[in-house]
Amino acid sequence: MRKNNKQSFSNKVYAVVKKIPKGKTLSYKQVATKAGNPAAARAVGTLMRKNYDENIPCHRVVRSDGKIGQYNRGGPQRKMELLMEERYAYERR
């Protein structure tokens, strides 16, 4: 039964992250809260670290202390580049 709960939380996390619009970010804790478990920020980080689905914009999830955090597809520098590109595109609209 625990496995089903874990899968359910994972699906909720991915659904929350999919809804983060370009030019915006949420913290790992905010994502965990929206997915139903405010104490699971680290679990969100683990899910994002293992995510390679391009439809889930894990680069839009950042640390709550203002730091960018890691990115599994190029490191923190690539994550920042993607966020800056999206912010620029969003602000130009």
PDB file of N, CA and C in Angstrom:
ATOM      1  N   MET A   1       0.831  -1.192   0.000  1.00  0.00           N
ATOM      2  CA  MET A   1       0.000   0.000   0.000  1.00  0.00           C
ATOM      3  C   MET A   1       0.869   1.248   0.000  1.00  0.00           C
ATOM      4  N   ARG A   2       1.982   1.206   0.667  1.00  0.00           N
ATOM      5  CA  ARG A   2       2.874   2.369   0.711  1.00  0.00           C
ATOM      6  C   ARG A   2       3.348   2.761  -0.689  1.00  0.00           C
ATOM      7  N   LYS A   3       3.593   1.776  -1.537  1.00  0.00           N
ATOM      8  CA  LYS A   3       4.064   2.064  -2.884  1.00  0.00           C
ATOM      9  C   LYS A   3       3.024   2.879  -3.656  1.00  0.00           C
ATOM     10  N   ASN A   4       1.746   2.536  -3.504  1.00  0.00           N
ATOM     11  CA  ASN A   4       0.693   3.296  -4.177  1.00  0.00           C
ATOM     12  C   ASN A   4       0.670   4.740  -3.706  1.00  0.00           C
ATOM     13  N   ASN A   5       0.868   4.955  -2.394  1.00  0.00           N
ATOM     14  CA  ASN A   5       0.900   6.313  -1.873  1.00  0.00           C
ATOM     15  C   ASN A   5       2.077   7.085  -2.465  1.00  0.00           C
ATOM     16  N   LYS A   6       3.226   6.430  -2.586  1.00  0.00           N
ATOM     17  CA  LYS A   6       4.408   7.075  -3.149  1.00  0.00           C
ATOM     18  C   LYS A   6       4.166   7.440  -4.612  1.00  0.00           C
ATOM     19  N   GLN A   7       3.605   6.511  -5.373  1.00  0.00           N
ATOM     20  CA  GLN A   7       3.305   6.791  -6.765  1.00  0.00           C
ATOM     21  C   GLN A   7       2.312   7.938  -6.878  1.00  0.00           C
ATOM     22  N   SER A   8       1.337   7.944  -6.011  1.00  0.00           N
ATOM     23  CA  SER A   8       0.343   9.000  -6.033  1.00  0.00           C
ATOM     24  C   SER A   8       0.994  10.364  -5.754  1.00  0.00           C
ATOM     25  N   PHE A   9       1.891  10.400  -4.763  1.00  0.00           N
ATOM     26  CA  PHE A   9       2.580  11.651  -4.465  1.00  0.00           C
ATOM     27  C   PHE A   9       3.435  12.077  -5.655  1.00  0.00           C
ATOM     28  N   SER A  10       4.130  11.141  -6.263  1.00  0.00           N
ATOM     29  CA  SER A  10       4.952  11.445  -7.441  1.00  0.00           C
ATOM     30  C   SER A  10       4.099  12.051  -8.546  1.00  0.00           C
ATOM     31  N   ASN A  11       2.978  11.437  -8.816  1.00  0.00           N
ATOM     32  CA  ASN A  11       2.093  11.951  -9.868  1.00  0.00           C
ATOM     33  C   ASN A  11       1.589  13.347  -9.530  1.00  0.00           C
ATOM     34  N   LYS A  12       1.284  13.583  -8.270  1.00  0.00           N
ATOM     35  CA  LYS A  12       0.834  14.913  -7.842  1.00  0.00           C
ATOM     36  C   LYS A  12       1.951  15.939  -8.037  1.00  0.00           C
ATOM     37  N   VAL A  13       3.173  15.558  -7.669  1.00  0.00           N
ATOM     38  CA  VAL A  13       4.312  16.467  -7.839  1.00  0.00           C
ATOM     39  C   VAL A  13       4.491  16.810  -9.307  1.00  0.00           C
ATOM     40  N   TYR A  14       4.491  15.800 -10.161  1.00  0.00           N
ATOM     41  CA  TYR A  14       4.676  16.054 -11.592  1.00  0.00           C
ATOM     42  C   TYR A  14       3.557  16.933 -12.142  1.00  0.00           C
ATOM     43  N   ALA A  15       2.331  16.726 -11.680  1.00  0.00           N
ATOM     44  CA  ALA A  15       1.202  17.553 -12.131  1.00  0.00           C
ATOM     45  C   ALA A  15       1.381  19.010 -11.703  1.00  0.00           C
ATOM     46  N   VAL A  16       1.845  19.220 -10.472  1.00  0.00           N
ATOM     47  CA  VAL A  16       2.081  20.582  -9.982  1.00  0.00           C
ATOM     48  C   VAL A  16       3.172  21.251 -10.814  1.00  0.00           C
ATOM     49  N   VAL A  17       4.264  20.553 -11.047  1.00  0.00           N
ATOM     50  CA  VAL A  17       5.395  21.131 -11.773  1.00  0.00           C
ATOM     51  C   VAL A  17       5.014  21.436 -13.219  1.00  0.00           C
ATOM     52  N   LYS A  18       4.212  20.578 -13.825  1.00  0.00           N
ATOM     53  CA  LYS A  18       3.765  20.826 -15.205  1.00  0.00           C
ATOM     54  C   LYS A  18       2.998  22.136 -15.329  1.00  0.00           C
ATOM     55  N   LYS A  19       2.348  22.547 -14.243  1.00  0.00           N
ATOM     56  CA  LYS A  19       1.522  23.764 -14.260  1.00  0.00           C
ATOM     57  C   LYS A  19       2.305  25.043 -13.977  1.00  0.00           C
ATOM     58  N   ILE A  20       3.581  24.949 -13.649  1.00  0.00           N
ATOM     59  CA  ILE A  20       4.368  26.158 -13.393  1.00  0.00           C
ATOM     60  C   ILE A  20       4.590  26.853 -14.740  1.00  0.00           C
ATOM     61  N   PRO A  21       4.094  28.074 -14.902  1.00  0.00           N
ATOM     62  CA  PRO A  21       4.235  28.744 -16.204  1.00  0.00           C
ATOM     63  C   PRO A  21       5.657  29.213 -16.478  1.00  0.00           C
ATOM     64  N   LYS A  22       5.950  29.397 -17.752  1.00  0.00           N
ATOM     65  CA  LYS A  22       7.249  29.949 -18.140  1.00  0.00           C
ATOM     66  C   LYS A  22       7.433  31.296 -17.474  1.00  0.00           C
ATOM     67  N   GLY A  23       8.646  31.562 -17.026  1.00  0.00           N
ATOM     68  CA  GLY A  23       8.945  32.824 -16.372  1.00  0.00           C
ATOM     69  C   GLY A  23       8.656  32.828 -14.884  1.00  0.00           C
ATOM     70  N   LYS A  24       8.151  31.707 -14.359  1.00  0.00           N
ATOM     71  CA  LYS A  24       7.819  31.604 -12.933  1.00  0.00           C
ATOM     72  C   LYS A  24       8.550  30.412 -12.327  1.00  0.00           C
ATOM     73  N   THR A  25       8.676  30.412 -11.012  1.00  0.00           N
ATOM     74  CA  THR A  25       9.279  29.286 -10.291  1.00  0.00           C
ATOM     75  C   THR A  25       8.471  28.997  -9.034  1.00  0.00           C
ATOM     76  N   LEU A  26       8.650  27.814  -8.505  1.00  0.00           N
ATOM     77  CA  LEU A  26       8.148  27.436  -7.186  1.00  0.00           C
ATOM     78  C   LEU A  26       9.305  26.792  -6.443  1.00  0.00           C
ATOM     79  N   SER A  27       9.286  26.881  -5.132  1.00  0.00           N
ATOM     80  CA  SER A  27      10.314  26.194  -4.343  1.00  0.00           C
ATOM     81  C   SER A  27       9.923  24.722  -4.197  1.00  0.00           C
ATOM     82  N   TYR A  28      10.907  23.916  -3.822  1.00  0.00           N
ATOM     83  CA  TYR A  28      10.637  22.501  -3.574  1.00  0.00           C
ATOM     84  C   TYR A  28       9.557  22.359  -2.501  1.00  0.00           C
ATOM     85  N   LYS A  29       9.612  23.212  -1.490  1.00  0.00           N
ATOM     86  CA  LYS A  29       8.617  23.163  -0.414  1.00  0.00           C
ATOM     87  C   LYS A  29       7.227  23.561  -0.927  1.00  0.00           C
ATOM     88  N   GLN A  30       7.156  24.571  -1.775  1.00  0.00           N
ATOM     89  CA  GLN A  30       5.860  24.966  -2.340  1.00  0.00           C
ATOM     90  C   GLN A  30       5.261  23.838  -3.174  1.00  0.00           C
ATOM     91  N   VAL A  31       6.094  23.172  -3.957  1.00  0.00           N
ATOM     92  CA  VAL A  31       5.613  22.043  -4.754  1.00  0.00           C
ATOM     93  C   VAL A  31       5.116  20.933  -3.830  1.00  0.00           C
ATOM     94  N   ALA A  32       5.887  20.613  -2.794  1.00  0.00           N
ATOM     95  CA  ALA A  32       5.480  19.568  -1.850  1.00  0.00           C
ATOM     96  C   ALA A  32       4.147  19.918  -1.197  1.00  0.00           C
ATOM     97  N   THR A  33       3.980  21.176  -0.811  1.00  0.00           N
ATOM     98  CA  THR A  33       2.730  21.617  -0.187  1.00  0.00           C
ATOM     99  C   THR A  33       1.565  21.470  -1.149  1.00  0.00           C
ATOM    100  N   LYS A  34       1.739  21.928  -2.372  1.00  0.00           N
ATOM    101  CA  LYS A  34       0.664  21.821  -3.373  1.00  0.00           C
ATOM    102  C   LYS A  34       0.347  20.366  -3.711  1.00  0.00           C
ATOM    103  N   ALA A  35       1.339  19.476  -3.562  1.00  0.00           N
ATOM    104  CA  ALA A  35       1.132  18.052  -3.835  1.00  0.00           C
ATOM    105  C   ALA A  35       0.550  17.327  -2.624  1.00  0.00           C
ATOM    106  N   GLY A  36       0.401  18.033  -1.503  1.00  0.00           N
ATOM    107  CA  GLY A  36      -0.282  17.456  -0.353  1.00  0.00           C
ATOM    108  C   GLY A  36       0.582  17.036   0.816  1.00  0.00           C
ATOM    109  N   ASN A  37       1.898  17.314   0.755  1.00  0.00           N
ATOM    110  CA  ASN A  37       2.765  16.933   1.871  1.00  0.00           C
ATOM    111  C   ASN A  37       3.836  17.996   2.080  1.00  0.00           C
ATOM    112  N   PRO A  38       3.539  19.020   2.889  1.00  0.00           N
ATOM    113  CA  PRO A  38       4.477  20.130   3.085  1.00  0.00           C
ATOM    114  C   PRO A  38       5.844  19.721   3.626  1.00  0.00           C
ATOM    115  N   ALA A  39       5.934  18.561   4.255  1.00  0.00           N
ATOM    116  CA  ALA A  39       7.206  18.111   4.830  1.00  0.00           C
ATOM    117  C   ALA A  39       8.057  17.325   3.824  1.00  0.00           C
ATOM    118  N   ALA A  40       7.644  17.243   2.574  1.00  0.00           N
ATOM    119  CA  ALA A  40       8.313  16.374   1.605  1.00  0.00           C
ATOM    120  C   ALA A  40       9.134  17.138   0.562  1.00  0.00           C
ATOM    121  N   ALA A  41       9.713  18.262   0.949  1.00  0.00           N
ATOM    122  CA  ALA A  41      10.506  19.037  -0.008  1.00  0.00           C
ATOM    123  C   ALA A  41      11.676  18.238  -0.556  1.00  0.00           C
ATOM    124  N   ARG A  42      12.317  17.448   0.292  1.00  0.00           N
ATOM    125  CA  ARG A  42      13.447  16.625  -0.173  1.00  0.00           C
ATOM    126  C   ARG A  42      12.988  15.552  -1.155  1.00  0.00           C
ATOM    127  N   ALA A  43      11.810  15.002  -0.916  1.00  0.00           N
ATOM    128  CA  ALA A  43      11.270  14.009  -1.853  1.00  0.00           C
ATOM    129  C   ALA A  43      11.018  14.650  -3.208  1.00  0.00           C
ATOM    130  N   VAL A  44      10.554  15.889  -3.204  1.00  0.00           N
ATOM    131  CA  VAL A  44      10.363  16.617  -4.465  1.00  0.00           C
ATOM    132  C   VAL A  44      11.711  16.766  -5.167  1.00  0.00           C
ATOM    133  N   GLY A  45      12.739  17.120  -4.421  1.00  0.00           N
ATOM    134  CA  GLY A  45      14.075  17.243  -4.997  1.00  0.00           C
ATOM    135  C   GLY A  45      14.548  15.943  -5.621  1.00  0.00           C
ATOM    136  N   THR A  46      14.286  14.843  -4.949  1.00  0.00           N
ATOM    137  CA  THR A  46      14.669  13.535  -5.486  1.00  0.00           C
ATOM    138  C   THR A  46      13.915  13.236  -6.777  1.00  0.00           C
ATOM    139  N   LEU A  47      12.626  13.528  -6.791  1.00  0.00           N
ATOM    140  CA  LEU A  47      11.837  13.306  -8.005  1.00  0.00           C
ATOM    141  C   LEU A  47      12.341  14.170  -9.158  1.00  0.00           C
ATOM    142  N   MET A  48      12.677  15.417  -8.869  1.00  0.00           N
ATOM    143  CA  MET A  48      13.172  16.302  -9.924  1.00  0.00           C
ATOM    144  C   MET A  48      14.540  15.834 -10.426  1.00  0.00           C
ATOM    145  N   ARG A  49      15.370  15.339  -9.534  1.00  0.00           N
ATOM    146  CA  ARG A  49      16.691  14.851  -9.913  1.00  0.00           C
ATOM    147  C   ARG A  49      16.586  13.655 -10.856  1.00  0.00           C
ATOM    148  N   LYS A  50      15.553  12.832 -10.685  1.00  0.00           N
ATOM    149  CA  LYS A  50      15.374  11.636 -11.503  1.00  0.00           C
ATOM    150  C   LYS A  50      14.489  11.874 -12.723  1.00  0.00           C
ATOM    151  N   ASN A  51      14.001  13.084 -12.892  1.00  0.00           N
ATOM    152  CA  ASN A  51      13.079  13.393 -13.984  1.00  0.00           C
ATOM    153  C   ASN A  51      13.837  13.714 -15.270  1.00  0.00           C
ATOM    154  N   TYR A  52      13.521  12.988 -16.320  1.00  0.00           N
ATOM    155  CA  TYR A  52      14.084  13.298 -17.640  1.00  0.00           C
ATOM    156  C   TYR A  52      12.983  13.521 -18.666  1.00  0.00           C
ATOM    157  N   ASP A  53      11.754  13.651 -18.208  1.00  0.00           N
ATOM    158  CA  ASP A  53      10.616  13.920 -19.091  1.00  0.00           C
ATOM    159  C   ASP A  53      10.620  15.404 -19.443  1.00  0.00           C
ATOM    160  N   GLU A  54      10.792  15.717 -20.707  1.00  0.00           N
ATOM    161  CA  GLU A  54      10.855  17.120 -21.137  1.00  0.00           C
ATOM    162  C   GLU A  54       9.552  17.870 -20.914  1.00  0.00           C
ATOM    163  N   ASN A  55       8.450  17.154 -20.710  1.00  0.00           N
ATOM    164  CA  ASN A  55       7.158  17.795 -20.459  1.00  0.00           C
ATOM    165  C   ASN A  55       7.003  18.255 -19.013  1.00  0.00           C
ATOM    166  N   ILE A  56       7.946  17.884 -18.181  1.00  0.00           N
ATOM    167  CA  ILE A  56       7.922  18.294 -16.775  1.00  0.00           C
ATOM    168  C   ILE A  56       9.093  19.247 -16.566  1.00  0.00           C
ATOM    169  N   PRO A  57       8.806  20.550 -16.465  1.00  0.00           N
ATOM    170  CA  PRO A  57       9.874  21.562 -16.402  1.00  0.00           C
ATOM    171  C   PRO A  57      10.517  21.669 -15.025  1.00  0.00           C
ATOM    172  N   CYS A  58      11.307  20.665 -14.676  1.00  0.00           N
ATOM    173  CA  CYS A  58      11.894  20.614 -13.338  1.00  0.00           C
ATOM    174  C   CYS A  58      12.849  21.781 -13.074  1.00  0.00           C
ATOM    175  N   HIS A  59      13.320  22.450 -14.115  1.00  0.00           N
ATOM    176  CA  HIS A  59      14.205  23.602 -13.912  1.00  0.00           C
ATOM    177  C   HIS A  59      13.471  24.772 -13.262  1.00  0.00           C
ATOM    178  N   ARG A  60      12.155  24.734 -13.225  1.00  0.00           N
ATOM    179  CA  ARG A  60      11.360  25.811 -12.605  1.00  0.00           C
ATOM    180  C   ARG A  60      11.157  25.605 -11.117  1.00  0.00           C
ATOM    181  N   VAL A  61      11.771  24.581 -10.556  1.00  0.00           N
ATOM    182  CA  VAL A  61      11.693  24.316  -9.115  1.00  0.00           C
ATOM    183  C   VAL A  61      13.038  24.690  -8.506  1.00  0.00           C
ATOM    184  N   VAL A  62      12.999  25.608  -7.541  1.00  0.00           N
ATOM    185  CA  VAL A  62      14.219  26.158  -6.945  1.00  0.00           C
ATOM    186  C   VAL A  62      14.187  26.009  -5.426  1.00  0.00           C
ATOM    187  N   ARG A  63      15.291  26.312  -4.804  1.00  0.00           N
ATOM    188  CA  ARG A  63      15.387  26.228  -3.349  1.00  0.00           C
ATOM    189  C   ARG A  63      14.654  27.396  -2.691  1.00  0.00           C
ATOM    190  N   SER A  64      14.146  27.183  -1.508  1.00  0.00           N
ATOM    191  CA  SER A  64      13.412  28.244  -0.806  1.00  0.00           C
ATOM    192  C   SER A  64      14.337  29.281  -0.184  1.00  0.00           C
ATOM    193  N   ASP A  65      15.648  29.006  -0.138  1.00  0.00           N
ATOM    194  CA  ASP A  65      16.585  29.982   0.411  1.00  0.00           C
ATOM    195  C   ASP A  65      17.094  30.960  -0.653  1.00  0.00           C
ATOM    196  N   GLY A  66      16.512  30.899  -1.831  1.00  0.00           N
ATOM    197  CA  GLY A  66      16.882  31.825  -2.896  1.00  0.00           C
ATOM    198  C   GLY A  66      17.953  31.305  -3.836  1.00  0.00           C
ATOM    199  N   LYS A  67      18.572  30.188  -3.483  1.00  0.00           N
ATOM    200  CA  LYS A  67      19.579  29.610  -4.370  1.00  0.00           C
ATOM    201  C   LYS A  67      18.893  28.799  -5.456  1.00  0.00           C
ATOM    202  N   ILE A  68      19.588  28.616  -6.548  1.00  0.00           N
ATOM    203  CA  ILE A  68      19.003  27.989  -7.725  1.00  0.00           C
ATOM    204  C   ILE A  68      18.786  26.489  -7.564  1.00  0.00           C
ATOM    205  N   GLY A  69      19.680  25.798  -6.878  1.00  0.00           N
ATOM    206  CA  GLY A  69      19.579  24.353  -6.739  1.00  0.00           C
ATOM    207  C   GLY A  69      20.235  23.644  -7.916  1.00  0.00           C
ATOM    208  N   GLN A  70      20.168  22.344  -7.895  1.00  0.00           N
ATOM    209  CA  GLN A  70      20.796  21.524  -8.932  1.00  0.00           C
ATOM    210  C   GLN A  70      19.864  21.333 -10.124  1.00  0.00           C
ATOM    211  N   TYR A  71      20.437  20.811 -11.211  1.00  0.00           N
ATOM    212  CA  TYR A  71      19.667  20.511 -12.418  1.00  0.00           C
ATOM    213  C   TYR A  71      20.299  19.307 -13.084  1.00  0.00           C
ATOM    214  N   ASN A  72      19.501  18.290 -13.339  1.00  0.00           N
ATOM    215  CA  ASN A  72      20.032  17.022 -13.837  1.00  0.00           C
ATOM    216  C   ASN A  72      20.356  17.027 -15.336  1.00  0.00           C
ATOM    217  N   ARG A  73      20.120  18.102 -15.996  1.00  0.00           N
ATOM    218  CA  ARG A  73      20.388  18.173 -17.434  1.00  0.00           C
ATOM    219  C   ARG A  73      21.359  19.302 -17.759  1.00  0.00           C
ATOM    220  N   GLY A  74      22.398  19.433 -16.958  1.00  0.00           N
ATOM    221  CA  GLY A  74      23.404  20.437 -17.258  1.00  0.00           C
ATOM    222  C   GLY A  74      23.886  21.233 -16.067  1.00  0.00           C
ATOM    223  N   GLY A  75      23.410  20.913 -14.891  1.00  0.00           N
ATOM    224  CA  GLY A  75      23.873  21.587 -13.689  1.00  0.00           C
ATOM    225  C   GLY A  75      23.205  22.930 -13.443  1.00  0.00           C
ATOM    226  N   PRO A  76      23.580  23.584 -12.351  1.00  0.00           N
ATOM    227  CA  PRO A  76      22.955  24.852 -11.956  1.00  0.00           C
ATOM    228  C   PRO A  76      23.096  25.948 -13.013  1.00  0.00           C
ATOM    229  N   GLN A  77      24.221  25.978 -13.713  1.00  0.00           N
ATOM    230  CA  GLN A  77      24.412  27.020 -14.731  1.00  0.00           C
ATOM    231  C   GLN A  77      23.385  26.880 -15.847  1.00  0.00           C
ATOM    232  N   ARG A  78      23.141  25.660 -16.304  1.00  0.00           N
ATOM    233  CA  ARG A  78      22.148  25.438 -17.359  1.00  0.00           C
ATOM    234  C   ARG A  78      20.746  25.768 -16.853  1.00  0.00           C
ATOM    235  N   LYS A  79      20.468  25.440 -15.605  1.00  0.00           N
ATOM    236  CA  LYS A  79      19.168  25.745 -15.014  1.00  0.00           C
ATOM    237  C   LYS A  79      18.938  27.260 -15.032  1.00  0.00           C
ATOM    238  N   MET A  80      19.939  28.014 -14.637  1.00  0.00           N
ATOM    239  CA  MET A  80      19.834  29.471 -14.630  1.00  0.00           C
ATOM    240  C   MET A  80      19.629  30.003 -16.044  1.00  0.00           C
ATOM    241  N   GLU A  81      20.359  29.449 -17.011  1.00  0.00           N
ATOM    242  CA  GLU A  81      20.199  29.877 -18.404  1.00  0.00           C
ATOM    243  C   GLU A  81      18.765  29.678 -18.880  1.00  0.00           C
ATOM    244  N   LEU A  82      18.197  28.505 -18.592  1.00  0.00           N
ATOM    245  CA  LEU A  82      16.818  28.231 -18.996  1.00  0.00           C
ATOM    246  C   LEU A  82      15.839  29.198 -18.340  1.00  0.00           C
ATOM    247  N   LEU A  83      16.022  29.447 -17.051  1.00  0.00           N
ATOM    248  CA  LEU A  83      15.131  30.371 -16.348  1.00  0.00           C
ATOM    249  C   LEU A  83      15.245  31.788 -16.902  1.00  0.00           C
ATOM    250  N   MET A  84      16.452  32.211 -17.208  1.00  0.00           N
ATOM    251  CA  MET A  84      16.643  33.555 -17.759  1.00  0.00           C
ATOM    252  C   MET A  84      16.040  33.654 -19.160  1.00  0.00           C
ATOM    253  N   GLU A  85      16.216  32.632 -19.976  1.00  0.00           N
ATOM    254  CA  GLU A  85      15.609  32.614 -21.311  1.00  0.00           C
ATOM    255  C   GLU A  85      14.091  32.706 -21.214  1.00  0.00           C
ATOM    256  N   GLU A  86      13.507  31.931 -20.314  1.00  0.00           N
ATOM    257  CA  GLU A  86      12.051  31.948 -20.160  1.00  0.00           C
ATOM    258  C   GLU A  86      11.565  33.274 -19.609  1.00  0.00           C
ATOM    259  N   ARG A  87      12.282  33.820 -18.651  1.00  0.00           N
ATOM    260  CA  ARG A  87      11.883  35.104 -18.078  1.00  0.00           C
ATOM    261  C   ARG A  87      11.932  36.197 -19.144  1.00  0.00           C
ATOM    262  N   TYR A  88      12.987  36.180 -19.954  1.00  0.00           N
ATOM    263  CA  TYR A  88      13.126  37.172 -21.013  1.00  0.00           C
ATOM    264  C   TYR A  88      11.991  37.031 -22.022  1.00  0.00           C
ATOM    265  N   ALA A  89      11.696  35.812 -22.428  1.00  0.00           N
ATOM    266  CA  ALA A  89      10.612  35.570 -23.376  1.00  0.00           C
ATOM    267  C   ALA A  89       9.267  35.985 -22.768  1.00  0.00           C
ATOM    268  N   TYR A  90       9.075  35.697 -21.486  1.00  0.00           N
ATOM    269  CA  TYR A  90       7.828  36.034 -20.802  1.00  0.00           C
ATOM    270  C   TYR A  90       7.672  37.550 -20.690  1.00  0.00           C
ATOM    271  N   GLU A  91       8.740  38.255 -20.337  1.00  0.00           N
ATOM    272  CA  GLU A  91       8.667  39.704 -20.158  1.00  0.00           C
ATOM    273  C   GLU A  91       8.485  40.441 -21.486  1.00  0.00           C
ATOM    274  N   ARG A  92       8.918  39.854 -22.576  1.00  0.00           N
ATOM    275  CA  ARG A  92       8.794  40.497 -23.884  1.00  0.00           C
ATOM    276  C   ARG A  92       7.384  40.446 -24.429  1.00  0.00           C
ATOM    277  N   ARG A  93       6.535  39.613 -23.850  1.00  0.00           N
ATOM    278  CA  ARG A  93       5.160  39.501 -24.368  1.00  0.00           C
ATOM    279  C   ARG A  93       4.366  40.729 -24.096  1.00  0.00           C
TER     280      ARG A  93
END
